[in-house]
Amino acid sequence: MMRRLLLVLALILSATPAFAVNPDEVLADPALEARARTLSAELRCMVCQNQSIDDSNAELAKDLRLLVRERIKDGDSDEQVLDYIVSRYGEFVLLKPRFSIKTVLLWGAPVLLVLAGGLSLLVFARRRSGKPTGSKLTADEQARLNELLKK
């Protein structure tokens, strides 16, 4: 019984998010630290690629977190910090890519796919409605039908 309880407890605790920000990285000013955490959550870890740098334990993520905090301490705005990181690592570093001429296909693809699907369904339905649904009657069937109609 005790083993089961410990196993359940271990599973529950392992599901909690692990934030990788170390105490030595935290800024003294809570407002600046909140900005740094918000920006860190928007940046992709280039090693893990499916985590933000705020969640990643990779060395590169730690370096990026420190760089974000350094830029914030130097007085950069959030946009300036993001622009600086993007200029070094490219748009891929952003977890939510910006809308630009380069990403218009990325943002527009879902809309285009829905429109194309709807258009193809409409065309298919219109073509289908104009066609007869059965085969022609044979001569014997036509004769029997004519006899039944005369009665």
N, C-alpha and C. Protein backbone atom coordinates (compact mmCIF):
# COMPACT_ATOMS: atom_id res chain seq x y z
N MET A 1 0.82 -1.19 0.00
CA MET A 1 0.00 0.00 0.00
C MET A 1 0.87 1.26 0.00
N MET A 2 1.91 1.23 0.82
CA MET A 2 2.81 2.38 0.93
C MET A 2 3.55 2.61 -0.39
N ARG A 3 3.92 1.52 -1.06
CA ARG A 3 4.62 1.64 -2.34
C ARG A 3 3.74 2.33 -3.37
N ARG A 4 2.47 1.92 -3.39
CA ARG A 4 1.54 2.53 -4.35
C ARG A 4 1.38 4.02 -4.08
N LEU A 5 1.28 4.38 -2.82
CA LEU A 5 1.14 5.78 -2.46
C LEU A 5 2.38 6.57 -2.89
N LEU A 6 3.54 6.02 -2.65
CA LEU A 6 4.78 6.69 -3.06
C LEU A 6 4.87 6.80 -4.58
N LEU A 7 4.44 5.75 -5.28
CA LEU A 7 4.46 5.77 -6.74
C LEU A 7 3.52 6.84 -7.27
N VAL A 8 2.32 6.92 -6.73
CA VAL A 8 1.35 7.94 -7.16
C VAL A 8 1.90 9.33 -6.86
N LEU A 9 2.47 9.51 -5.69
CA LEU A 9 3.05 10.80 -5.31
C LEU A 9 4.19 11.18 -6.26
N ALA A 10 5.03 10.23 -6.60
CA ALA A 10 6.14 10.49 -7.51
C ALA A 10 5.62 10.88 -8.90
N LEU A 11 4.59 10.20 -9.37
CA LEU A 11 4.02 10.53 -10.68
C LEU A 11 3.40 11.92 -10.69
N ILE A 12 2.71 12.26 -9.62
CA ILE A 12 2.10 13.59 -9.54
C ILE A 12 3.16 14.67 -9.52
N LEU A 13 4.18 14.49 -8.74
CA LEU A 13 5.23 15.51 -8.63
C LEU A 13 6.06 15.61 -9.90
N SER A 14 6.19 14.51 -10.63
CA SER A 14 6.99 14.56 -11.86
C SER A 14 6.25 15.29 -12.97
N ALA A 15 4.93 15.45 -12.84
CA ALA A 15 4.14 16.12 -13.87
C ALA A 15 4.14 17.64 -13.69
N THR A 16 4.64 18.14 -12.59
CA THR A 16 4.66 19.58 -12.39
C THR A 16 5.74 20.20 -13.27
N PRO A 17 5.50 21.41 -13.78
CA PRO A 17 6.49 22.02 -14.66
C PRO A 17 7.78 22.35 -13.90
N ALA A 18 8.87 22.12 -14.56
CA ALA A 18 10.18 22.42 -13.97
C ALA A 18 10.73 23.67 -14.64
N PHE A 19 10.84 24.73 -13.89
CA PHE A 19 11.39 25.95 -14.44
C PHE A 19 12.90 25.92 -14.25
N ALA A 20 13.60 26.26 -15.32
CA ALA A 20 15.04 26.10 -15.32
C ALA A 20 15.78 27.34 -14.85
N VAL A 21 15.08 28.39 -14.53
CA VAL A 21 15.75 29.61 -14.11
C VAL A 21 16.40 29.37 -12.76
N ASN A 22 17.70 29.56 -12.71
CA ASN A 22 18.47 29.37 -11.48
C ASN A 22 18.39 30.63 -10.62
N PRO A 23 18.52 30.48 -9.32
CA PRO A 23 18.44 31.65 -8.44
C PRO A 23 19.49 32.71 -8.75
N ASP A 24 20.65 32.30 -9.23
CA ASP A 24 21.69 33.29 -9.55
C ASP A 24 21.37 34.11 -10.80
N GLU A 25 20.37 33.69 -11.57
CA GLU A 25 19.98 34.42 -12.78
C GLU A 25 18.92 35.48 -12.49
N VAL A 26 18.20 35.35 -11.40
CA VAL A 26 17.06 36.21 -11.11
C VAL A 26 17.52 37.64 -10.85
N LEU A 27 16.81 38.59 -11.47
CA LEU A 27 17.11 40.01 -11.28
C LEU A 27 16.55 40.49 -9.95
N ALA A 28 17.20 41.47 -9.35
CA ALA A 28 16.78 41.98 -8.05
C ALA A 28 15.45 42.73 -8.15
N ASP A 29 15.23 43.44 -9.24
CA ASP A 29 14.00 44.20 -9.43
C ASP A 29 12.89 43.25 -9.92
N PRO A 30 11.81 43.09 -9.15
CA PRO A 30 10.74 42.16 -9.55
C PRO A 30 10.07 42.52 -10.87
N ALA A 31 9.96 43.81 -11.19
CA ALA A 31 9.34 44.22 -12.45
C ALA A 31 10.22 43.80 -13.63
N LEU A 32 11.53 44.01 -13.50
CA LEU A 32 12.45 43.60 -14.57
C LEU A 32 12.49 42.08 -14.70
N GLU A 33 12.42 41.39 -13.58
CA GLU A 33 12.43 39.92 -13.61
C GLU A 33 11.16 39.40 -14.28
N ALA A 34 10.04 40.04 -14.02
CA ALA A 34 8.78 39.64 -14.67
C ALA A 34 8.88 39.82 -16.18
N ARG A 35 9.47 40.93 -16.61
CA ARG A 35 9.68 41.15 -18.06
C ARG A 35 10.60 40.09 -18.63
N ALA A 36 11.66 39.77 -17.91
CA ALA A 36 12.62 38.76 -18.38
C ALA A 36 11.93 37.40 -18.51
N ARG A 37 11.10 37.04 -17.54
CA ARG A 37 10.40 35.75 -17.59
C ARG A 37 9.42 35.70 -18.75
N THR A 38 8.73 36.82 -18.99
CA THR A 38 7.79 36.89 -20.11
C THR A 38 8.52 36.72 -21.44
N LEU A 39 9.64 37.42 -21.58
CA LEU A 39 10.42 37.31 -22.83
C LEU A 39 11.02 35.92 -22.97
N SER A 40 11.49 35.35 -21.88
CA SER A 40 12.08 34.01 -21.93
C SER A 40 11.06 32.96 -22.34
N ALA A 41 9.82 33.19 -21.99
CA ALA A 41 8.76 32.24 -22.36
C ALA A 41 8.43 32.32 -23.85
N GLU A 42 8.82 33.42 -24.51
CA GLU A 42 8.55 33.60 -25.93
C GLU A 42 9.68 33.09 -26.82
N LEU A 43 10.82 32.76 -26.22
CA LEU A 43 11.99 32.36 -27.00
C LEU A 43 12.20 30.85 -26.95
N ARG A 44 12.49 30.28 -28.10
CA ARG A 44 12.69 28.83 -28.23
C ARG A 44 14.12 28.46 -27.85
N CYS A 45 14.24 27.36 -27.13
CA CYS A 45 15.56 26.80 -26.85
C CYS A 45 16.06 26.16 -28.15
N MET A 46 17.19 26.58 -28.62
CA MET A 46 17.70 26.08 -29.90
C MET A 46 18.22 24.65 -29.78
N VAL A 47 18.43 24.18 -28.57
CA VAL A 47 18.87 22.80 -28.35
C VAL A 47 17.66 21.88 -28.27
N CYS A 48 16.71 22.25 -27.42
CA CYS A 48 15.51 21.41 -27.20
C CYS A 48 14.49 21.58 -28.32
N GLN A 49 14.31 22.77 -28.79
CA GLN A 49 13.44 23.18 -29.88
C GLN A 49 11.95 23.06 -29.59
N ASN A 50 11.55 22.36 -28.57
CA ASN A 50 10.12 22.32 -28.26
C ASN A 50 9.85 22.94 -26.90
N GLN A 51 10.84 23.61 -26.34
CA GLN A 51 10.70 24.26 -25.05
C GLN A 51 11.13 25.71 -25.17
N SER A 52 10.61 26.52 -24.28
CA SER A 52 11.10 27.89 -24.20
C SER A 52 12.41 27.88 -23.41
N ILE A 53 13.16 28.95 -23.52
CA ILE A 53 14.41 29.01 -22.76
C ILE A 53 14.12 29.12 -21.27
N ASP A 54 12.90 29.54 -20.93
CA ASP A 54 12.50 29.63 -19.52
C ASP A 54 12.37 28.25 -18.90
N ASP A 55 12.03 27.24 -19.72
CA ASP A 55 11.81 25.88 -19.22
C ASP A 55 13.01 24.96 -19.43
N SER A 56 13.95 25.35 -20.25
CA SER A 56 15.04 24.46 -20.64
C SER A 56 16.23 24.54 -19.69
N ASN A 57 16.87 23.40 -19.49
CA ASN A 57 18.09 23.33 -18.67
C ASN A 57 19.36 23.36 -19.52
N ALA A 58 19.24 23.50 -20.83
CA ALA A 58 20.40 23.49 -21.71
C ALA A 58 21.28 24.72 -21.45
N GLU A 59 22.56 24.55 -21.68
CA GLU A 59 23.51 25.65 -21.46
C GLU A 59 23.19 26.85 -22.35
N LEU A 60 22.83 26.58 -23.60
CA LEU A 60 22.50 27.68 -24.51
C LEU A 60 21.28 28.44 -24.01
N ALA A 61 20.30 27.73 -23.46
CA ALA A 61 19.11 28.39 -22.90
C ALA A 61 19.51 29.28 -21.73
N LYS A 62 20.42 28.80 -20.90
CA LYS A 62 20.88 29.62 -19.77
C LYS A 62 21.58 30.86 -20.29
N ASP A 63 22.42 30.70 -21.31
CA ASP A 63 23.12 31.86 -21.88
C ASP A 63 22.12 32.87 -22.45
N LEU A 64 21.08 32.37 -23.11
CA LEU A 64 20.07 33.27 -23.67
C LEU A 64 19.29 33.97 -22.56
N ARG A 65 18.97 33.25 -21.49
CA ARG A 65 18.28 33.89 -20.36
C ARG A 65 19.12 35.01 -19.77
N LEU A 66 20.42 34.74 -19.63
CA LEU A 66 21.32 35.77 -19.10
C LEU A 66 21.42 36.96 -20.05
N LEU A 67 21.44 36.67 -21.35
CA LEU A 67 21.51 37.74 -22.35
C LEU A 67 20.25 38.59 -22.31
N VAL A 68 19.10 37.96 -22.18
CA VAL A 68 17.84 38.70 -22.08
C VAL A 68 17.88 39.61 -20.86
N ARG A 69 18.31 39.08 -19.72
CA ARG A 69 18.36 39.88 -18.50
C ARG A 69 19.38 41.02 -18.62
N GLU A 70 20.49 40.76 -19.27
CA GLU A 70 21.51 41.80 -19.47
C GLU A 70 20.95 42.94 -20.33
N ARG A 71 20.26 42.58 -21.40
CA ARG A 71 19.68 43.61 -22.29
C ARG A 71 18.60 44.42 -21.56
N ILE A 72 17.83 43.75 -20.72
CA ILE A 72 16.79 44.45 -19.96
C ILE A 72 17.43 45.41 -18.96
N LYS A 73 18.50 44.96 -18.29
CA LYS A 73 19.21 45.84 -17.34
C LYS A 73 19.82 47.03 -18.05
N ASP A 74 20.22 46.83 -19.32
CA ASP A 74 20.82 47.93 -20.09
C ASP A 74 19.77 48.93 -20.58
N GLY A 75 18.49 48.63 -20.33
CA GLY A 75 17.44 49.59 -20.68
C GLY A 75 16.71 49.31 -21.98
N ASP A 76 16.96 48.17 -22.61
CA ASP A 76 16.26 47.83 -23.85
C ASP A 76 14.78 47.55 -23.58
N SER A 77 13.95 47.91 -24.56
CA SER A 77 12.53 47.56 -24.47
C SER A 77 12.38 46.08 -24.82
N ASP A 78 11.19 45.55 -24.57
CA ASP A 78 10.95 44.14 -24.89
C ASP A 78 11.18 43.89 -26.38
N GLU A 79 10.69 44.79 -27.21
CA GLU A 79 10.84 44.64 -28.67
C GLU A 79 12.32 44.69 -29.07
N GLN A 80 13.09 45.55 -28.45
CA GLN A 80 14.52 45.64 -28.75
C GLN A 80 15.25 44.36 -28.35
N VAL A 81 14.87 43.79 -27.21
CA VAL A 81 15.48 42.54 -26.76
C VAL A 81 15.19 41.44 -27.78
N LEU A 82 13.91 41.32 -28.16
CA LEU A 82 13.54 40.29 -29.14
C LEU A 82 14.23 40.51 -30.47
N ASP A 83 14.30 41.77 -30.93
CA ASP A 83 14.99 42.07 -32.19
C ASP A 83 16.46 41.67 -32.12
N TYR A 84 17.09 41.93 -30.98
CA TYR A 84 18.50 41.58 -30.80
C TYR A 84 18.71 40.07 -30.89
N ILE A 85 17.86 39.32 -30.18
CA ILE A 85 17.98 37.85 -30.19
C ILE A 85 17.70 37.31 -31.59
N VAL A 86 16.66 37.84 -32.25
CA VAL A 86 16.31 37.38 -33.60
C VAL A 86 17.43 37.70 -34.58
N SER A 87 18.08 38.85 -34.41
CA SER A 87 19.18 39.19 -35.33
C SER A 87 20.34 38.22 -35.19
N ARG A 88 20.50 37.60 -34.02
CA ARG A 88 21.59 36.63 -33.81
C ARG A 88 21.21 35.21 -34.20
N TYR A 89 19.94 34.83 -33.95
CA TYR A 89 19.53 33.43 -34.12
C TYR A 89 18.47 33.20 -35.19
N GLY A 90 17.92 34.26 -35.74
CA GLY A 90 16.91 34.12 -36.78
C GLY A 90 15.51 34.01 -36.19
N GLU A 91 14.51 34.06 -37.06
CA GLU A 91 13.10 34.02 -36.65
C GLU A 91 12.73 32.72 -35.95
N PHE A 92 13.48 31.65 -36.21
CA PHE A 92 13.16 30.35 -35.61
C PHE A 92 13.22 30.38 -34.09
N VAL A 93 13.96 31.32 -33.53
CA VAL A 93 14.10 31.40 -32.08
C VAL A 93 12.80 31.84 -31.40
N LEU A 94 11.91 32.44 -32.16
CA LEU A 94 10.62 32.86 -31.60
C LEU A 94 9.64 31.70 -31.60
N LEU A 95 9.02 31.43 -30.46
CA LEU A 95 8.03 30.36 -30.39
C LEU A 95 6.77 30.73 -31.18
N LYS A 96 6.43 32.02 -31.22
CA LYS A 96 5.31 32.51 -32.02
C LYS A 96 5.90 33.45 -33.07
N PRO A 97 6.05 32.96 -34.32
CA PRO A 97 6.68 33.81 -35.35
C PRO A 97 5.89 35.09 -35.61
N ARG A 98 6.60 36.11 -35.95
CA ARG A 98 5.97 37.40 -36.25
C ARG A 98 5.32 37.34 -37.62
N PHE A 99 4.32 38.18 -37.83
CA PHE A 99 3.68 38.28 -39.14
C PHE A 99 4.53 39.20 -40.01
N SER A 100 5.07 38.65 -41.08
CA SER A 100 5.87 39.43 -42.01
C SER A 100 5.70 38.83 -43.40
N ILE A 101 6.34 39.42 -44.37
CA ILE A 101 6.24 38.91 -45.74
C ILE A 101 6.82 37.50 -45.83
N LYS A 102 7.78 37.19 -44.98
CA LYS A 102 8.38 35.85 -44.98
C LYS A 102 7.46 34.80 -44.37
N THR A 103 6.62 35.21 -43.44
CA THR A 103 5.76 34.25 -42.74
C THR A 103 4.30 34.32 -43.17
N VAL A 104 4.00 35.07 -44.23
CA VAL A 104 2.61 35.20 -44.66
C VAL A 104 2.03 33.85 -45.06
N LEU A 105 2.82 32.99 -45.67
CA LEU A 105 2.33 31.66 -46.04
C LEU A 105 2.06 30.82 -44.79
N LEU A 106 2.93 30.95 -43.80
CA LEU A 106 2.73 30.21 -42.55
C LEU A 106 1.43 30.62 -41.87
N TRP A 107 1.16 31.91 -41.82
CA TRP A 107 -0.06 32.40 -41.18
C TRP A 107 -1.29 32.19 -42.06
N GLY A 108 -1.11 32.27 -43.38
CA GLY A 108 -2.24 32.18 -44.29
C GLY A 108 -2.59 30.77 -44.72
N ALA A 109 -1.71 29.81 -44.53
CA ALA A 109 -1.94 28.44 -45.00
C ALA A 109 -3.21 27.83 -44.42
N PRO A 110 -3.50 27.95 -43.14
CA PRO A 110 -4.75 27.35 -42.63
C PRO A 110 -5.99 27.93 -43.31
N VAL A 111 -6.00 29.24 -43.51
CA VAL A 111 -7.15 29.87 -44.16
C VAL A 111 -7.25 29.39 -45.61
N LEU A 112 -6.12 29.34 -46.31
CA LEU A 112 -6.13 28.88 -47.69
C LEU A 112 -6.59 27.43 -47.80
N LEU A 113 -6.16 26.59 -46.88
CA LEU A 113 -6.57 25.18 -46.90
C LEU A 113 -8.06 25.02 -46.65
N VAL A 114 -8.61 25.78 -45.72
CA VAL A 114 -10.05 25.71 -45.45
C VAL A 114 -10.84 26.20 -46.66
N LEU A 115 -10.40 27.30 -47.27
CA LEU A 115 -11.08 27.81 -48.46
C LEU A 115 -10.99 26.81 -49.62
N ALA A 116 -9.82 26.23 -49.83
CA ALA A 116 -9.67 25.25 -50.91
C ALA A 116 -10.54 24.01 -50.66
N GLY A 117 -10.60 23.55 -49.43
CA GLY A 117 -11.45 22.41 -49.09
C GLY A 117 -12.93 22.72 -49.32
N GLY A 118 -13.37 23.90 -48.89
CA GLY A 118 -14.76 24.30 -49.10
C GLY A 118 -15.10 24.44 -50.57
N LEU A 119 -14.19 25.02 -51.33
CA LEU A 119 -14.41 25.18 -52.77
C LEU A 119 -14.48 23.82 -53.47
N SER A 120 -13.59 22.91 -53.11
CA SER A 120 -13.61 21.59 -53.74
C SER A 120 -14.87 20.82 -53.36
N LEU A 121 -15.36 20.95 -52.13
CA LEU A 121 -16.62 20.33 -51.74
C LEU A 121 -17.79 20.90 -52.53
N LEU A 122 -17.79 22.21 -52.72
CA LEU A 122 -18.84 22.86 -53.49
C LEU A 122 -18.84 22.37 -54.94
N VAL A 123 -17.67 22.33 -55.57
CA VAL A 123 -17.55 21.86 -56.95
C VAL A 123 -17.99 20.41 -57.05
N PHE A 124 -17.55 19.58 -56.13
CA PHE A 124 -17.92 18.16 -56.14
C PHE A 124 -19.43 17.99 -56.00
N ALA A 125 -20.05 18.74 -55.10
CA ALA A 125 -21.49 18.63 -54.87
C ALA A 125 -22.27 19.10 -56.09
N ARG A 126 -21.83 20.17 -56.75
CA ARG A 126 -22.54 20.66 -57.94
C ARG A 126 -22.42 19.68 -59.10
N ARG A 127 -21.25 19.09 -59.28
CA ARG A 127 -21.08 18.10 -60.36
C ARG A 127 -21.94 16.87 -60.09
N ARG A 128 -21.98 16.49 -58.84
CA ARG A 128 -22.71 15.29 -58.46
C ARG A 128 -24.22 15.47 -58.62
N SER A 129 -24.73 16.67 -58.36
CA SER A 129 -26.18 16.90 -58.42
C SER A 129 -26.71 16.88 -59.85
N GLY A 130 -25.90 17.14 -60.84
CA GLY A 130 -26.35 17.15 -62.22
C GLY A 130 -26.36 15.80 -62.88
N LYS A 131 -25.77 14.82 -62.26
CA LYS A 131 -25.67 13.49 -62.87
C LYS A 131 -26.82 12.60 -62.41
N PRO A 132 -27.32 11.74 -63.32
CA PRO A 132 -28.35 10.79 -62.89
C PRO A 132 -27.75 9.78 -61.93
N THR A 133 -28.60 9.28 -61.03
CA THR A 133 -28.09 8.40 -59.98
C THR A 133 -28.20 6.93 -60.32
N GLY A 134 -29.01 6.55 -61.30
CA GLY A 134 -29.18 5.13 -61.61
C GLY A 134 -28.77 4.82 -63.04
N SER A 135 -28.92 3.54 -63.42
CA SER A 135 -28.63 3.15 -64.80
C SER A 135 -29.94 3.13 -65.58
N LYS A 136 -29.84 3.16 -66.92
CA LYS A 136 -31.03 3.15 -67.77
C LYS A 136 -31.74 1.80 -67.67
N LEU A 137 -33.06 1.84 -67.91
CA LEU A 137 -33.84 0.61 -67.89
C LEU A 137 -33.56 -0.23 -69.13
N THR A 138 -33.57 -1.52 -68.93
CA THR A 138 -33.45 -2.40 -70.10
C THR A 138 -34.79 -2.41 -70.84
N ALA A 139 -34.79 -2.97 -72.03
CA ALA A 139 -36.02 -3.01 -72.83
C ALA A 139 -37.11 -3.78 -72.11
N ASP A 140 -36.78 -4.89 -71.46
CA ASP A 140 -37.77 -5.67 -70.73
C ASP A 140 -38.34 -4.88 -69.56
N GLU A 141 -37.47 -4.18 -68.84
CA GLU A 141 -37.93 -3.40 -67.70
C GLU A 141 -38.84 -2.25 -68.17
N GLN A 142 -38.47 -1.62 -69.27
CA GLN A 142 -39.27 -0.52 -69.81
C GLN A 142 -40.66 -1.03 -70.23
N ALA A 143 -40.70 -2.23 -70.82
CA ALA A 143 -41.98 -2.80 -71.25
C ALA A 143 -42.85 -3.10 -70.04
N ARG A 144 -42.27 -3.69 -69.00
CA ARG A 144 -43.04 -3.99 -67.80
C ARG A 144 -43.56 -2.72 -67.14
N LEU A 145 -42.72 -1.68 -67.13
CA LEU A 145 -43.13 -0.40 -66.56
C LEU A 145 -44.29 0.18 -67.34
N ASN A 146 -44.22 0.11 -68.65
CA ASN A 146 -45.31 0.64 -69.48
C ASN A 146 -46.61 -0.12 -69.22
N GLU A 147 -46.50 -1.44 -69.03
CA GLU A 147 -47.69 -2.24 -68.74
C GLU A 147 -48.30 -1.84 -67.39
N LEU A 148 -47.46 -1.63 -66.41
CA LEU A 148 -47.95 -1.26 -65.08
C LEU A 148 -48.60 0.13 -65.11
N LEU A 149 -48.05 1.01 -65.90
CA LEU A 149 -48.60 2.38 -65.96
C LEU A 149 -49.94 2.39 -66.68
N LYS A 150 -50.15 1.48 -67.62
CA LYS A 150 -51.42 1.43 -68.35
C LYS A 150 -52.56 0.94 -67.47
N LYS A 151 -52.28 0.16 -66.46
CA LYS A 151 -53.33 -0.40 -65.60
C LYS A 151 -53.97 0.60 -64.72
